[in-house]
N, C-alpha and C. Protein backbone atom coordinates (compact mmCIF):
# COMPACT_ATOMS: atom_id res chain seq x y z
N MET A 1 0.84 -1.17 0.00
CA MET A 1 0.00 0.00 0.00
C MET A 1 0.89 1.24 0.00
N LYS A 2 0.51 2.25 -0.77
CA LYS A 2 1.26 3.49 -0.87
C LYS A 2 0.77 4.50 0.17
N ILE A 3 1.63 5.45 0.51
CA ILE A 3 1.25 6.49 1.46
C ILE A 3 0.04 7.25 0.96
N SER A 4 -0.02 7.52 -0.33
CA SER A 4 -1.18 8.23 -0.88
C SER A 4 -2.47 7.43 -0.68
N ASP A 5 -2.38 6.11 -0.72
CA ASP A 5 -3.56 5.27 -0.44
C ASP A 5 -3.99 5.41 1.02
N LEU A 6 -3.01 5.38 1.92
CA LEU A 6 -3.31 5.53 3.35
C LEU A 6 -3.97 6.86 3.65
N LYS A 7 -3.47 7.93 3.03
CA LYS A 7 -3.98 9.27 3.31
C LYS A 7 -5.41 9.47 2.83
N SER A 8 -5.89 8.60 1.96
CA SER A 8 -7.26 8.74 1.47
C SER A 8 -8.27 8.02 2.37
N LEU A 9 -7.79 7.23 3.33
CA LEU A 9 -8.68 6.46 4.20
C LEU A 9 -9.07 7.24 5.45
N ARG A 10 -10.32 7.08 5.87
CA ARG A 10 -10.76 7.68 7.13
C ARG A 10 -10.29 6.80 8.29
N VAL A 11 -9.93 7.44 9.38
CA VAL A 11 -9.51 6.73 10.59
C VAL A 11 -10.68 6.78 11.57
N VAL A 12 -11.11 5.59 12.04
CA VAL A 12 -12.27 5.48 12.93
C VAL A 12 -11.82 4.84 14.25
N ASN A 13 -12.25 5.44 15.36
CA ASN A 13 -11.93 4.93 16.69
C ASN A 13 -12.94 3.88 17.10
N LEU A 14 -12.48 2.67 17.39
CA LEU A 14 -13.37 1.58 17.82
C LEU A 14 -13.96 1.83 19.21
N GLU A 15 -13.31 2.66 20.02
CA GLU A 15 -13.79 2.94 21.38
C GLU A 15 -15.16 3.61 21.38
N ASN A 16 -15.37 4.53 20.41
CA ASN A 16 -16.62 5.30 20.41
C ASN A 16 -17.26 5.44 19.03
N GLY A 17 -16.66 4.85 18.01
CA GLY A 17 -17.20 4.92 16.66
C GLY A 17 -16.98 6.24 15.97
N LYS A 18 -16.22 7.14 16.58
CA LYS A 18 -15.99 8.47 16.03
C LYS A 18 -14.98 8.43 14.89
N VAL A 19 -15.29 9.17 13.82
CA VAL A 19 -14.33 9.36 12.73
C VAL A 19 -13.33 10.40 13.21
N LEU A 20 -12.06 10.01 13.28
CA LEU A 20 -11.01 10.91 13.76
C LEU A 20 -10.46 11.78 12.65
N GLY A 21 -10.67 11.39 11.42
CA GLY A 21 -10.17 12.16 10.29
C GLY A 21 -9.36 11.30 9.35
N ARG A 22 -8.61 11.97 8.51
CA ARG A 22 -7.72 11.28 7.57
C ARG A 22 -6.28 11.57 7.96
N ILE A 23 -5.38 10.70 7.57
CA ILE A 23 -3.97 10.86 7.92
C ILE A 23 -3.42 12.13 7.28
N HIS A 24 -2.81 12.95 8.12
CA HIS A 24 -2.18 14.19 7.66
C HIS A 24 -0.69 13.97 7.41
N ASP A 25 -0.09 13.11 8.24
CA ASP A 25 1.34 12.86 8.15
C ASP A 25 1.66 11.53 8.83
N LEU A 26 2.85 11.03 8.62
CA LEU A 26 3.32 9.80 9.26
C LEU A 26 4.63 10.07 9.98
N VAL A 27 4.84 9.38 11.10
CA VAL A 27 6.10 9.45 11.82
C VAL A 27 6.86 8.18 11.46
N LEU A 28 8.04 8.34 10.87
CA LEU A 28 8.84 7.21 10.41
C LEU A 28 10.08 7.03 11.28
N ASP A 29 10.50 5.79 11.45
CA ASP A 29 11.79 5.48 12.06
C ASP A 29 12.68 5.05 10.91
N VAL A 30 13.54 5.96 10.48
CA VAL A 30 14.36 5.68 9.30
C VAL A 30 15.42 4.62 9.58
N ASN A 31 15.83 4.48 10.84
CA ASN A 31 16.82 3.46 11.18
C ASN A 31 16.23 2.06 11.10
N GLU A 32 14.97 1.92 11.53
CA GLU A 32 14.31 0.61 11.49
C GLU A 32 13.51 0.40 10.21
N GLY A 33 13.24 1.48 9.48
CA GLY A 33 12.44 1.37 8.27
C GLY A 33 10.98 1.06 8.56
N THR A 34 10.45 1.64 9.67
CA THR A 34 9.07 1.37 10.06
C THR A 34 8.29 2.66 10.26
N VAL A 35 6.97 2.52 10.22
CA VAL A 35 6.08 3.63 10.55
C VAL A 35 5.79 3.54 12.04
N LYS A 36 6.00 4.63 12.76
CA LYS A 36 5.80 4.65 14.21
C LYS A 36 4.42 5.18 14.60
N ALA A 37 3.90 6.15 13.83
CA ALA A 37 2.62 6.75 14.21
C ALA A 37 1.99 7.46 13.01
N MET A 38 0.68 7.69 13.15
CA MET A 38 -0.07 8.50 12.20
C MET A 38 -0.37 9.84 12.86
N ILE A 39 -0.30 10.91 12.11
CA ILE A 39 -0.67 12.23 12.61
C ILE A 39 -1.97 12.62 11.93
N LEU A 40 -2.99 12.93 12.76
CA LEU A 40 -4.29 13.34 12.25
C LEU A 40 -4.52 14.80 12.63
N PRO A 41 -5.17 15.58 11.76
CA PRO A 41 -5.46 16.97 12.12
C PRO A 41 -6.36 17.02 13.35
N GLY A 42 -6.11 17.96 14.24
CA GLY A 42 -7.00 18.16 15.39
C GLY A 42 -8.32 18.73 14.91
N GLU A 43 -9.32 18.68 15.77
CA GLU A 43 -10.62 19.24 15.40
C GLU A 43 -10.46 20.71 15.08
N GLY A 44 -11.00 21.13 13.95
CA GLY A 44 -10.91 22.52 13.54
C GLY A 44 -9.61 22.87 12.84
N LYS A 45 -8.70 21.92 12.70
CA LYS A 45 -7.42 22.23 12.05
C LYS A 45 -7.63 22.35 10.55
N TRP A 46 -7.08 23.41 10.00
CA TRP A 46 -7.15 23.59 8.55
C TRP A 46 -6.19 22.63 7.89
N ARG A 47 -6.57 22.11 6.78
CA ARG A 47 -5.74 21.11 6.11
C ARG A 47 -4.57 21.75 5.35
N LEU A 48 -4.77 22.92 4.78
CA LEU A 48 -3.72 23.52 3.95
C LEU A 48 -2.91 24.57 4.68
N PHE A 49 -3.44 25.07 5.78
CA PHE A 49 -2.77 26.16 6.47
C PHE A 49 -2.50 25.77 7.91
N SER A 50 -1.52 26.41 8.50
CA SER A 50 -1.21 26.14 9.90
C SER A 50 -2.28 26.74 10.80
N SER A 51 -2.48 26.12 11.93
CA SER A 51 -3.41 26.65 12.92
C SER A 51 -2.87 26.33 14.30
N THR A 52 -3.52 26.85 15.31
CA THR A 52 -3.05 26.61 16.67
C THR A 52 -3.59 25.32 17.25
N GLU A 53 -4.46 24.64 16.54
CA GLU A 53 -5.04 23.39 17.03
C GLU A 53 -3.95 22.31 17.12
N LYS A 54 -4.07 21.48 18.13
CA LYS A 54 -3.13 20.37 18.29
C LYS A 54 -3.50 19.25 17.34
N GLU A 55 -2.52 18.42 17.04
CA GLU A 55 -2.75 17.26 16.18
C GLU A 55 -2.84 16.00 17.04
N LEU A 56 -3.53 15.01 16.53
CA LEU A 56 -3.65 13.74 17.22
C LEU A 56 -2.59 12.79 16.66
N GLU A 57 -1.73 12.26 17.54
CA GLU A 57 -0.70 11.31 17.13
C GLU A 57 -1.14 9.93 17.61
N VAL A 58 -1.42 9.05 16.66
CA VAL A 58 -1.89 7.70 16.97
C VAL A 58 -0.76 6.71 16.67
N PRO A 59 -0.24 6.03 17.70
CA PRO A 59 0.82 5.04 17.46
C PRO A 59 0.36 3.96 16.48
N TRP A 60 1.26 3.54 15.64
CA TRP A 60 0.94 2.55 14.60
C TRP A 60 0.39 1.26 15.21
N GLU A 61 0.87 0.89 16.41
CA GLU A 61 0.40 -0.36 17.03
C GLU A 61 -1.04 -0.27 17.53
N LYS A 62 -1.64 0.92 17.51
CA LYS A 62 -3.05 1.07 17.90
C LYS A 62 -4.00 0.72 16.76
N ILE A 63 -3.46 0.46 15.56
CA ILE A 63 -4.30 0.06 14.43
C ILE A 63 -4.79 -1.36 14.68
N ARG A 64 -6.09 -1.56 14.58
CA ARG A 64 -6.68 -2.89 14.75
C ARG A 64 -7.02 -3.52 13.41
N LYS A 65 -7.34 -2.69 12.41
CA LYS A 65 -7.66 -3.22 11.08
C LYS A 65 -7.36 -2.13 10.05
N LEU A 66 -6.59 -2.51 9.05
CA LEU A 66 -6.29 -1.63 7.93
C LEU A 66 -7.12 -2.13 6.77
N GLY A 67 -8.26 -1.50 6.54
CA GLY A 67 -9.19 -1.97 5.53
C GLY A 67 -9.04 -1.25 4.21
N LYS A 68 -9.91 -1.63 3.28
CA LYS A 68 -9.92 -1.02 1.95
C LYS A 68 -10.49 0.40 2.00
N ASP A 69 -11.42 0.63 2.93
CA ASP A 69 -12.11 1.92 3.00
C ASP A 69 -11.79 2.73 4.25
N VAL A 70 -11.42 2.06 5.34
CA VAL A 70 -11.14 2.76 6.60
C VAL A 70 -9.99 2.10 7.35
N ILE A 71 -9.44 2.86 8.30
CA ILE A 71 -8.46 2.34 9.23
C ILE A 71 -9.13 2.35 10.60
N LEU A 72 -9.22 1.19 11.24
CA LEU A 72 -9.83 1.10 12.56
C LEU A 72 -8.73 1.12 13.61
N VAL A 73 -8.86 2.04 14.57
CA VAL A 73 -7.89 2.16 15.65
C VAL A 73 -8.61 2.03 16.98
N GLU A 74 -7.86 1.70 18.00
CA GLU A 74 -8.44 1.60 19.34
C GLU A 74 -7.62 2.48 20.28
N VAL A 75 -8.16 3.68 20.53
CA VAL A 75 -7.50 4.63 21.42
C VAL A 75 -8.51 5.15 22.43
N ALA A 76 -8.03 5.50 23.62
CA ALA A 76 -8.90 6.05 24.65
C ALA A 76 -9.49 7.37 24.15
N GLN A 77 -10.68 7.69 24.60
CA GLN A 77 -11.34 8.92 24.16
C GLN A 77 -10.55 10.16 24.54
N SER A 78 -9.76 10.07 25.59
CA SER A 78 -8.96 11.23 26.02
C SER A 78 -7.51 11.11 25.55
N TRP A 79 -7.32 10.47 24.40
CA TRP A 79 -5.97 10.25 23.88
C TRP A 79 -5.24 11.58 23.76
N PRO A 80 -3.97 11.66 24.17
CA PRO A 80 -3.25 12.94 24.15
C PRO A 80 -2.99 13.44 22.73
N LEU A 81 -3.01 14.74 22.62
CA LEU A 81 -2.76 15.39 21.34
C LEU A 81 -1.30 15.81 21.27
N LYS A 82 -0.79 15.89 20.05
CA LYS A 82 0.59 16.29 19.80
C LYS A 82 0.64 17.81 19.74
N GLU A 83 1.63 18.40 20.39
CA GLU A 83 1.80 19.87 20.35
C GLU A 83 2.24 20.30 18.98
């Protein structure tokens, strides 16, 4: 799967059924050659412009299912946001 394919998928939280958004960026470990986390825009964050809203960083291991149409993750409702 390509990064562009991943960025087109909606991320849904299994804890509450809420759509968290689409992947804005990925955190990579270049030494290990792995993806460490997904970065999702915070609520109200503009996609093309910077804003003061925090971003949601979801560790890659929180993915429960990588589907054709959505990515299902399991994170607590009060999951910390990235500064």
